[in-house]
Amino acid sequence: MLELKGGFAFVEREHVHFGVEFGVSAGGGRLDRHSAGLLAAVEPGLFVRLVSEKIGAVHIDAGWYGVVPAAVDQAGWGAGAAMLTLGWSPFYRR
């Protein structure tokens, strides 16, 4: 799988960051129980990052994951879902 992701923080205070992010990923997979070959996904969303010198950073991301079947017989958008992700970066530095 190949993934490219980036974001921009509108609020970047000492212990809290808030902003938007966008990602694009591509890889193989299955769609509706059939082999879909190549799939691409778009991932727009929002993030909140809680930063501490002792524990690093805790990331809370909310976004949409929309799958675009790139190599199947059917054209158009495939499955999509809202996602809430919780992550931890122990060595995060501002």
PDB file of N, CA and C in Angstrom:
ATOM      1  N   MET A   1       0.842  -1.166   0.000  1.00  0.00           N
ATOM      2  CA  MET A   1       0.000   0.000   0.000  1.00  0.00           C
ATOM      3  C   MET A   1       0.892   1.235   0.000  1.00  0.00           C
ATOM      4  N   LEU A   2       0.478   2.215  -0.751  1.00  0.00           N
ATOM      5  CA  LEU A   2       1.166   3.500  -0.827  1.00  0.00           C
ATOM      6  C   LEU A   2       0.245   4.544  -0.225  1.00  0.00           C
ATOM      7  N   GLU A   3       0.785   5.371   0.667  1.00  0.00           N
ATOM      8  CA  GLU A   3      -0.041   6.385   1.309  1.00  0.00           C
ATOM      9  C   GLU A   3       0.701   7.708   1.378  1.00  0.00           C
ATOM     10  N   LEU A   4       0.021   8.782   1.006  1.00  0.00           N
ATOM     11  CA  LEU A   4       0.541  10.137   1.133  1.00  0.00           C
ATOM     12  C   LEU A   4      -0.439  10.915   1.996  1.00  0.00           C
ATOM     13  N   LYS A   5       0.082  11.614   2.999  1.00  0.00           N
ATOM     14  CA  LYS A   5      -0.790  12.316   3.925  1.00  0.00           C
ATOM     15  C   LYS A   5      -0.144  13.616   4.348  1.00  0.00           C
ATOM     16  N   GLY A   6      -0.945  14.631   4.537  1.00  0.00           N
ATOM     17  CA  GLY A   6      -0.440  15.915   4.996  1.00  0.00           C
ATOM     18  C   GLY A   6      -1.544  16.694   5.670  1.00  0.00           C
ATOM     19  N   GLY A   7      -1.147  17.744   6.365  1.00  0.00           N
ATOM     20  CA  GLY A   7      -2.154  18.529   7.060  1.00  0.00           C
ATOM     21  C   GLY A   7      -1.651  19.926   7.373  1.00  0.00           C
ATOM     22  N   PHE A   8      -2.561  20.736   7.870  1.00  0.00           N
ATOM     23  CA  PHE A   8      -2.248  22.101   8.241  1.00  0.00           C
ATOM     24  C   PHE A   8      -2.938  22.416   9.557  1.00  0.00           C
ATOM     25  N   ALA A   9      -2.179  22.915  10.528  1.00  0.00           N
ATOM     26  CA  ALA A   9      -2.732  23.268  11.834  1.00  0.00           C
ATOM     27  C   ALA A   9      -3.173  24.731  11.829  1.00  0.00           C
ATOM     28  N   PHE A  10      -4.458  24.969  12.036  1.00  0.00           N
ATOM     29  CA  PHE A  10      -4.980  26.329  12.169  1.00  0.00           C
ATOM     30  C   PHE A  10      -4.662  26.900  13.544  1.00  0.00           C
ATOM     31  N   VAL A  11      -4.700  26.043  14.556  1.00  0.00           N
ATOM     32  CA  VAL A  11      -4.387  26.426  15.931  1.00  0.00           C
ATOM     33  C   VAL A  11      -3.177  25.606  16.355  1.00  0.00           C
ATOM     34  N   GLU A  12      -2.107  26.271  16.756  1.00  0.00           N
ATOM     35  CA  GLU A  12      -0.897  25.560  17.174  1.00  0.00           C
ATOM     36  C   GLU A  12      -0.375  26.212  18.453  1.00  0.00           C
ATOM     37  N   ARG A  13      -1.034  25.887  19.542  1.00  0.00           N
ATOM     38  CA  ARG A  13      -0.631  26.401  20.847  1.00  0.00           C
ATOM     39  C   ARG A  13       0.388  25.461  21.460  1.00  0.00           C
ATOM     40  N   GLU A  14       0.847  25.757  22.649  1.00  0.00           N
ATOM     41  CA  GLU A  14       1.901  24.966  23.279  1.00  0.00           C
ATOM     42  C   GLU A  14       1.516  23.496  23.461  1.00  0.00           C
ATOM     43  N   HIS A  15       0.289  23.221  23.910  1.00  0.00           N
ATOM     44  CA  HIS A  15      -0.098  21.840  24.203  1.00  0.00           C
ATOM     45  C   HIS A  15      -1.238  21.312  23.347  1.00  0.00           C
ATOM     46  N   VAL A  16      -1.811  22.134  22.459  1.00  0.00           N
ATOM     47  CA  VAL A  16      -2.934  21.700  21.628  1.00  0.00           C
ATOM     48  C   VAL A  16      -2.750  22.212  20.203  1.00  0.00           C
ATOM     49  N   HIS A  17      -2.911  21.317  19.250  1.00  0.00           N
ATOM     50  CA  HIS A  17      -2.894  21.673  17.832  1.00  0.00           C
ATOM     51  C   HIS A  17      -4.223  21.215  17.228  1.00  0.00           C
ATOM     52  N   PHE A  18      -4.789  22.018  16.336  1.00  0.00           N
ATOM     53  CA  PHE A  18      -6.039  21.665  15.657  1.00  0.00           C
ATOM     54  C   PHE A  18      -5.920  22.071  14.199  1.00  0.00           C
ATOM     55  N   GLY A  19      -6.371  21.188  13.304  1.00  0.00           N
ATOM     56  CA  GLY A  19      -6.287  21.535  11.893  1.00  0.00           C
ATOM     57  C   GLY A  19      -6.980  20.539  10.990  1.00  0.00           C
ATOM     58  N   VAL A  20      -6.690  20.659   9.704  1.00  0.00           N
ATOM     59  CA  VAL A  20      -7.252  19.782   8.682  1.00  0.00           C
ATOM     60  C   VAL A  20      -6.137  18.911   8.114  1.00  0.00           C
ATOM     61  N   GLU A  21      -6.541  17.755   7.596  1.00  0.00           N
ATOM     62  CA  GLU A  21      -5.575  16.874   6.948  1.00  0.00           C
ATOM     63  C   GLU A  21      -6.233  16.220   5.745  1.00  0.00           C
ATOM     64  N   PHE A  22      -5.398  15.768   4.835  1.00  0.00           N
ATOM     65  CA  PHE A  22      -5.887  15.103   3.634  1.00  0.00           C
ATOM     66  C   PHE A  22      -4.902  14.010   3.273  1.00  0.00           C
ATOM     67  N   GLY A  23      -5.426  12.869   2.907  1.00  0.00           N
ATOM     68  CA  GLY A  23      -4.575  11.748   2.532  1.00  0.00           C
ATOM     69  C   GLY A  23      -5.100  11.063   1.284  1.00  0.00           C
ATOM     70  N   VAL A  24      -4.201  10.409   0.592  1.00  0.00           N
ATOM     71  CA  VAL A  24      -4.534   9.590  -0.567  1.00  0.00           C
ATOM     72  C   VAL A  24      -3.751   8.303  -0.416  1.00  0.00           C
ATOM     73  N   SER A  25      -4.426   7.172  -0.587  1.00  0.00           N
ATOM     74  CA  SER A  25      -3.726   5.894  -0.512  1.00  0.00           C
ATOM     75  C   SER A  25      -4.170   5.006  -1.668  1.00  0.00           C
ATOM     76  N   ALA A  26      -3.317   4.062  -2.031  1.00  0.00           N
ATOM     77  CA  ALA A  26      -3.615   3.136  -3.117  1.00  0.00           C
ATOM     78  C   ALA A  26      -3.063   1.767  -2.765  1.00  0.00           C
ATOM     79  N   GLY A  27      -3.785   0.740  -3.176  1.00  0.00           N
ATOM     80  CA  GLY A  27      -3.351  -0.623  -2.924  1.00  0.00           C
ATOM     81  C   GLY A  27      -4.371  -1.597  -3.481  1.00  0.00           C
ATOM     82  N   GLY A  28      -4.133  -2.864  -3.316  1.00  0.00           N
ATOM     83  CA  GLY A  28      -5.051  -3.894  -3.784  1.00  0.00           C
ATOM     84  C   GLY A  28      -6.049  -4.251  -2.702  1.00  0.00           C
ATOM     85  N   GLY A  29      -7.110  -4.922  -3.096  1.00  0.00           N
ATOM     86  CA  GLY A  29      -8.081  -5.314  -2.083  1.00  0.00           C
ATOM     87  C   GLY A  29      -9.312  -5.960  -2.656  1.00  0.00           C
ATOM     88  N   ARG A  30     -10.318  -6.049  -1.798  1.00  0.00           N
ATOM     89  CA  ARG A  30     -11.595  -6.643  -2.168  1.00  0.00           C
ATOM     90  C   ARG A  30     -12.689  -5.611  -1.956  1.00  0.00           C
ATOM     91  N   LEU A  31     -13.666  -5.622  -2.819  1.00  0.00           N
ATOM     92  CA  LEU A  31     -14.790  -4.702  -2.733  1.00  0.00           C
ATOM     93  C   LEU A  31     -16.053  -5.513  -2.979  1.00  0.00           C
ATOM     94  N   ASP A  32     -16.965  -5.522  -2.025  1.00  0.00           N
ATOM     95  CA  ASP A  32     -18.200  -6.314  -2.113  1.00  0.00           C
ATOM     96  C   ASP A  32     -17.909  -7.781  -2.393  1.00  0.00           C
ATOM     97  N   ARG A  33     -16.949  -8.336  -1.691  1.00  0.00           N
ATOM     98  CA  ARG A  33     -16.554  -9.755  -1.757  1.00  0.00           C
ATOM     99  C   ARG A  33     -15.977 -10.185  -3.104  1.00  0.00           C
ATOM    100  N   HIS A  34     -15.610  -9.240  -3.955  1.00  0.00           N
ATOM    101  CA  HIS A  34     -14.966  -9.568  -5.227  1.00  0.00           C
ATOM    102  C   HIS A  34     -13.605  -8.907  -5.247  1.00  0.00           C
ATOM    103  N   SER A  35     -12.664  -9.530  -5.926  1.00  0.00           N
ATOM    104  CA  SER A  35     -11.353  -8.921  -6.069  1.00  0.00           C
ATOM    105  C   SER A  35     -11.496  -7.622  -6.854  1.00  0.00           C
ATOM    106  N   ALA A  36     -10.989  -6.550  -6.275  1.00  0.00           N
ATOM    107  CA  ALA A  36     -11.142  -5.242  -6.915  1.00  0.00           C
ATOM    108  C   ALA A  36      -9.880  -4.782  -7.630  1.00  0.00           C
ATOM    109  N   GLY A  37      -8.817  -5.566  -7.550  1.00  0.00           N
ATOM    110  CA  GLY A  37      -7.585  -5.117  -8.174  1.00  0.00           C
ATOM    111  C   GLY A  37      -7.040  -3.912  -7.435  1.00  0.00           C
ATOM    112  N   LEU A  38      -6.840  -2.832  -8.145  1.00  0.00           N
ATOM    113  CA  LEU A  38      -6.286  -1.614  -7.565  1.00  0.00           C
ATOM    114  C   LEU A  38      -7.402  -0.751  -6.978  1.00  0.00           C
ATOM    115  N   LEU A  39      -7.221  -0.328  -5.737  1.00  0.00           N
ATOM    116  CA  LEU A  39      -8.157   0.584  -5.084  1.00  0.00           C
ATOM    117  C   LEU A  39      -7.411   1.849  -4.702  1.00  0.00           C
ATOM    118  N   ALA A  40      -8.085   2.965  -4.799  1.00  0.00           N
ATOM    119  CA  ALA A  40      -7.542   4.229  -4.323  1.00  0.00           C
ATOM    120  C   ALA A  40      -8.518   4.779  -3.292  1.00  0.00           C
ATOM    121  N   ALA A  41      -8.013   5.480  -2.302  1.00  0.00           N
ATOM    122  CA  ALA A  41      -8.874   6.041  -1.263  1.00  0.00           C
ATOM    123  C   ALA A  41      -8.500   7.493  -1.018  1.00  0.00           C
ATOM    124  N   VAL A  42      -9.508   8.312  -0.779  1.00  0.00           N
ATOM    125  CA  VAL A  42      -9.292   9.703  -0.385  1.00  0.00           C
ATOM    126  C   VAL A  42      -9.717   9.825   1.069  1.00  0.00           C
ATOM    127  N   GLU A  43      -8.963  10.605   1.831  1.00  0.00           N
ATOM    128  CA  GLU A  43      -9.169  10.675   3.271  1.00  0.00           C
ATOM    129  C   GLU A  43      -9.106  12.114   3.775  1.00  0.00           C
ATOM    130  N   PRO A  44     -10.169  12.913   3.576  1.00  0.00           N
ATOM    131  CA  PRO A  44     -10.180  14.247   4.169  1.00  0.00           C
ATOM    132  C   PRO A  44     -10.618  14.177   5.631  1.00  0.00           C
ATOM    133  N   GLY A  45     -10.090  15.070   6.467  1.00  0.00           N
ATOM    134  CA  GLY A  45     -10.503  15.022   7.867  1.00  0.00           C
ATOM    135  C   GLY A  45      -9.976  16.167   8.700  1.00  0.00           C
ATOM    136  N   LEU A  46     -10.239  16.084   9.979  1.00  0.00           N
ATOM    137  CA  LEU A  46      -9.804  17.048  10.989  1.00  0.00           C
ATOM    138  C   LEU A  46      -8.952  16.333  12.017  1.00  0.00           C
ATOM    139  N   PHE A  47      -8.043  17.061  12.667  1.00  0.00           N
ATOM    140  CA  PHE A  47      -7.247  16.439  13.720  1.00  0.00           C
ATOM    141  C   PHE A  47      -7.121  17.364  14.918  1.00  0.00           C
ATOM    142  N   VAL A  48      -6.945  16.736  16.080  1.00  0.00           N
ATOM    143  CA  VAL A  48      -6.597  17.419  17.327  1.00  0.00           C
ATOM    144  C   VAL A  48      -5.381  16.677  17.863  1.00  0.00           C
ATOM    145  N   ARG A  49      -4.358  17.411  18.220  1.00  0.00           N
ATOM    146  CA  ARG A  49      -3.130  16.811  18.745  1.00  0.00           C
ATOM    147  C   ARG A  49      -2.884  17.406  20.129  1.00  0.00           C
ATOM    148  N   LEU A  50      -2.819  16.551  21.144  1.00  0.00           N
ATOM    149  CA  LEU A  50      -2.528  16.970  22.510  1.00  0.00           C
ATOM    150  C   LEU A  50      -1.064  16.665  22.783  1.00  0.00           C
ATOM    151  N   VAL A  51      -0.265  17.694  23.029  1.00  0.00           N
ATOM    152  CA  VAL A  51       1.183  17.551  23.131  1.00  0.00           C
ATOM    153  C   VAL A  51       1.634  17.724  24.567  1.00  0.00           C
ATOM    154  N   SER A  52       2.470  16.795  25.037  1.00  0.00           N
ATOM    155  CA  SER A  52       3.037  16.847  26.381  1.00  0.00           C
ATOM    156  C   SER A  52       4.511  16.485  26.298  1.00  0.00           C
ATOM    157  N   GLU A  53       5.340  17.163  27.067  1.00  0.00           N
ATOM    158  CA  GLU A  53       6.771  16.835  27.068  1.00  0.00           C
ATOM    159  C   GLU A  53       7.038  15.467  27.681  1.00  0.00           C
ATOM    160  N   LYS A  54       6.167  14.997  28.558  1.00  0.00           N
ATOM    161  CA  LYS A  54       6.392  13.717  29.239  1.00  0.00           C
ATOM    162  C   LYS A  54       5.945  12.510  28.427  1.00  0.00           C
ATOM    163  N   ILE A  55       4.799  12.621  27.742  1.00  0.00           N
ATOM    164  CA  ILE A  55       4.279  11.433  27.045  1.00  0.00           C
ATOM    165  C   ILE A  55       4.328  11.540  25.525  1.00  0.00           C
ATOM    166  N   GLY A  56       4.721  12.657  24.971  1.00  0.00           N
ATOM    167  CA  GLY A  56       4.728  12.834  23.517  1.00  0.00           C
ATOM    168  C   GLY A  56       3.445  13.491  23.059  1.00  0.00           C
ATOM    169  N   ALA A  57       2.792  12.925  22.056  1.00  0.00           N
ATOM    170  CA  ALA A  57       1.560  13.508  21.523  1.00  0.00           C
ATOM    171  C   ALA A  57       0.492  12.439  21.371  1.00  0.00           C
ATOM    172  N   VAL A  58      -0.733  12.801  21.700  1.00  0.00           N
ATOM    173  CA  VAL A  58      -1.896  11.962  21.467  1.00  0.00           C
ATOM    174  C   VAL A  58      -2.660  12.603  20.321  1.00  0.00           C
ATOM    175  N   HIS A  59      -2.958  11.812  19.290  1.00  0.00           N
ATOM    176  CA  HIS A  59      -3.637  12.308  18.090  1.00  0.00           C
ATOM    177  C   HIS A  59      -5.079  11.798  18.089  1.00  0.00           C
ATOM    178  N   ILE A  60      -6.022  12.680  17.829  1.00  0.00           N
ATOM    179  CA  ILE A  60      -7.416  12.299  17.645  1.00  0.00           C
ATOM    180  C   ILE A  60      -7.815  12.811  16.264  1.00  0.00           C
ATOM    181  N   ASP A  61      -8.121  11.889  15.358  1.00  0.00           N
ATOM    182  CA  ASP A  61      -8.447  12.240  13.980  1.00  0.00           C
ATOM    183  C   ASP A  61      -9.877  11.811  13.670  1.00  0.00           C
ATOM    184  N   ALA A  62     -10.626  12.658  13.004  1.00  0.00           N
ATOM    185  CA  ALA A  62     -11.972  12.325  12.527  1.00  0.00           C
ATOM    186  C   ALA A  62     -12.009  12.644  11.043  1.00  0.00           C
ATOM    187  N   GLY A  63     -12.464  11.694  10.250  1.00  0.00           N
ATOM    188  CA  GLY A  63     -12.470  11.942   8.818  1.00  0.00           C
ATOM    189  C   GLY A  63     -13.366  11.001   8.055  1.00  0.00           C
ATOM    190  N   TRP A  64     -13.319  11.145   6.765  1.00  0.00           N
ATOM    191  CA  TRP A  64     -14.089  10.313   5.841  1.00  0.00           C
ATOM    192  C   TRP A  64     -13.112   9.499   5.023  1.00  0.00           C
ATOM    193  N   TYR A  65     -13.407   8.232   4.841  1.00  0.00           N
ATOM    194  CA  TYR A  65     -12.573   7.346   4.050  1.00  0.00           C
ATOM    195  C   TYR A  65     -13.415   6.895   2.871  1.00  0.00           C
ATOM    196  N   GLY A  66     -13.185   7.460   1.698  1.00  0.00           N
ATOM    197  CA  GLY A  66     -13.948   7.115   0.503  1.00  0.00           C
ATOM    198  C   GLY A  66     -13.094   6.314  -0.451  1.00  0.00           C
ATOM    199  N   VAL A  67     -13.587   5.141  -0.833  1.00  0.00           N
ATOM    200  CA  VAL A  67     -12.823   4.243  -1.706  1.00  0.00           C
ATOM    201  C   VAL A  67     -13.261   4.452  -3.153  1.00  0.00           C
ATOM    202  N   VAL A  68     -12.285   4.586  -4.037  1.00  0.00           N
ATOM    203  CA  VAL A  68     -12.526   4.719  -5.468  1.00  0.00           C
ATOM    204  C   VAL A  68     -11.973   3.480  -6.154  1.00  0.00           C
ATOM    205  N   PRO A  69     -12.832   2.617  -6.680  1.00  0.00           N
ATOM    206  CA  PRO A  69     -12.307   1.452  -7.393  1.00  0.00           C
ATOM    207  C   PRO A  69     -11.654   1.884  -8.699  1.00  0.00           C
ATOM    208  N   ALA A  70     -10.371   1.670  -8.816  1.00  0.00           N
ATOM    209  CA  ALA A  70      -9.628   2.148  -9.982  1.00  0.00           C
ATOM    210  C   ALA A  70      -9.500   1.094 -11.076  1.00  0.00           C
ATOM    211  N   ALA A  71      -9.727  -0.172 -10.757  1.00  0.00           N
ATOM    212  CA  ALA A  71      -9.538  -1.215 -11.762  1.00  0.00           C
ATOM    213  C   ALA A  71     -10.602  -2.301 -11.631  1.00  0.00           C
ATOM    214  N   VAL A  72     -11.858  -1.917 -11.574  1.00  0.00           N
ATOM    215  CA  VAL A  72     -12.955  -2.883 -11.550  1.00  0.00           C
ATOM    216  C   VAL A  72     -13.919  -2.544 -12.681  1.00  0.00           C
ATOM    217  N   ASP A  73     -14.859  -3.420 -12.958  1.00  0.00           N
ATOM    218  CA  ASP A  73     -15.796  -3.215 -14.057  1.00  0.00           C
ATOM    219  C   ASP A  73     -16.758  -2.050 -13.797  1.00  0.00           C
ATOM    220  N   GLN A  74     -17.108  -1.829 -12.530  1.00  0.00           N
ATOM    221  CA  GLN A  74     -18.042  -0.761 -12.193  1.00  0.00           C
ATOM    222  C   GLN A  74     -17.271   0.537 -12.006  1.00  0.00           C
ATOM    223  N   ALA A  75     -17.826   1.620 -12.520  1.00  0.00           N
ATOM    224  CA  ALA A  75     -17.177   2.922 -12.368  1.00  0.00           C
ATOM    225  C   ALA A  75     -17.827   3.674 -11.214  1.00  0.00           C
ATOM    226  N   GLY A  76     -17.121   4.657 -10.695  1.00  0.00           N
ATOM    227  CA  GLY A  76     -17.684   5.504  -9.653  1.00  0.00           C
ATOM    228  C   GLY A  76     -17.162   5.179  -8.281  1.00  0.00           C
ATOM    229  N   TRP A  77     -17.764   5.836  -7.295  1.00  0.00           N
ATOM    230  CA  TRP A  77     -17.332   5.670  -5.908  1.00  0.00           C
ATOM    231  C   TRP A  77     -17.800   4.335  -5.367  1.00  0.00           C
ATOM    232  N   GLY A  78     -16.961   3.758  -4.541  1.00  0.00           N
ATOM    233  CA  GLY A  78     -17.318   2.517  -3.873  1.00  0.00           C
ATOM    234  C   GLY A  78     -17.728   2.785  -2.448  1.00  0.00           C
ATOM    235  N   ALA A  79     -17.288   1.941  -1.563  1.00  0.00           N
ATOM    236  CA  ALA A  79     -17.646   2.056  -0.155  1.00  0.00           C
ATOM    237  C   ALA A  79     -17.013   3.294   0.468  1.00  0.00           C
ATOM    238  N   GLY A  80     -17.637   3.788   1.500  1.00  0.00           N
ATOM    239  CA  GLY A  80     -17.098   4.918   2.235  1.00  0.00           C
ATOM    240  C   GLY A  80     -17.571   4.848   3.669  1.00  0.00           C
ATOM    241  N   ALA A  81     -16.837   5.453   4.560  1.00  0.00           N
ATOM    242  CA  ALA A  81     -17.217   5.410   5.973  1.00  0.00           C
ATOM    243  C   ALA A  81     -16.542   6.542   6.724  1.00  0.00           C
ATOM    244  N   ALA A  82     -17.196   6.974   7.785  1.00  0.00           N
ATOM    245  CA  ALA A  82     -16.578   7.935   8.696  1.00  0.00           C
ATOM    246  C   ALA A  82     -15.645   7.168   9.618  1.00  0.00           C
ATOM    247  N   MET A  83     -14.540   7.783   9.989  1.00  0.00           N
ATOM    248  CA  MET A  83     -13.571   7.124  10.861  1.00  0.00           C
ATOM    249  C   MET A  83     -13.181   8.045  12.002  1.00  0.00           C
ATOM    250  N   LEU A  84     -12.954   7.459  13.155  1.00  0.00           N
ATOM    251  CA  LEU A  84     -12.392   8.154  14.303  1.00  0.00           C
ATOM    252  C   LEU A  84     -11.158   7.365  14.702  1.00  0.00           C
ATOM    253  N   THR A  85     -10.010   8.018  14.712  1.00  0.00           N
ATOM    254  CA  THR A  85      -8.748   7.340  14.977  1.00  0.00           C
ATOM    255  C   THR A  85      -8.073   7.968  16.187  1.00  0.00           C
ATOM    256  N   LEU A  86      -7.547   7.133  17.043  1.00  0.00           N
ATOM    257  CA  LEU A  86      -6.789   7.575  18.210  1.00  0.00           C
ATOM    258  C   LEU A  86      -5.374   7.039  18.059  1.00  0.00           C
ATOM    259  N   GLY A  87      -4.377   7.907  18.148  1.00  0.00           N
ATOM    260  CA  GLY A  87      -2.988   7.491  17.987  1.00  0.00           C
ATOM    261  C   GLY A  87      -2.091   8.126  19.030  1.00  0.00           C
ATOM    262  N   TRP A  88      -0.901   7.582  19.156  1.00  0.00           N
ATOM    263  CA  TRP A  88       0.073   8.072  20.132  1.00  0.00           C
ATOM    264  C   TRP A  88       1.442   8.104  19.485  1.00  0.00           C
ATOM    265  N   SER A  89       2.124   9.228  19.609  1.00  0.00           N
ATOM    266  CA  SER A  89       3.496   9.382  19.109  1.00  0.00           C
ATOM    267  C   SER A  89       4.376   9.705  20.314  1.00  0.00           C
ATOM    268  N   PRO A  90       5.059   8.698  20.888  1.00  0.00           N
ATOM    269  CA  PRO A  90       5.815   8.911  22.118  1.00  0.00           C
ATOM    270  C   PRO A  90       7.015   9.846  21.973  1.00  0.00           C
ATOM    271  N   PHE A  91       7.556   9.982  20.765  1.00  0.00           N
ATOM    272  CA  PHE A  91       8.748  10.815  20.578  1.00  0.00           C
ATOM    273  C   PHE A  91       8.444  12.068  19.762  1.00  0.00           C
ATOM    274  N   TYR A  92       7.194  12.531  19.764  1.00  0.00           N
ATOM    275  CA  TYR A  92       6.795  13.702  18.997  1.00  0.00           C
ATOM    276  C   TYR A  92       7.455  14.949  19.546  1.00  0.00           C
ATOM    277  N   ARG A  93       7.992  15.769  18.648  1.00  0.00           N
ATOM    278  CA  ARG A  93       8.578  17.058  19.026  1.00  0.00           C
ATOM    279  C   ARG A  93       8.006  18.121  18.132  1.00  0.00           C
ATOM    280  N   ARG A  94       7.763  19.293  18.710  1.00  0.00           N
ATOM    281  CA  ARG A  94       7.215  20.406  17.932  1.00  0.00           C
ATOM    282  C   ARG A  94       8.294  21.041  17.091  1.00  0.00           C
TER     283      ARG A  94
END
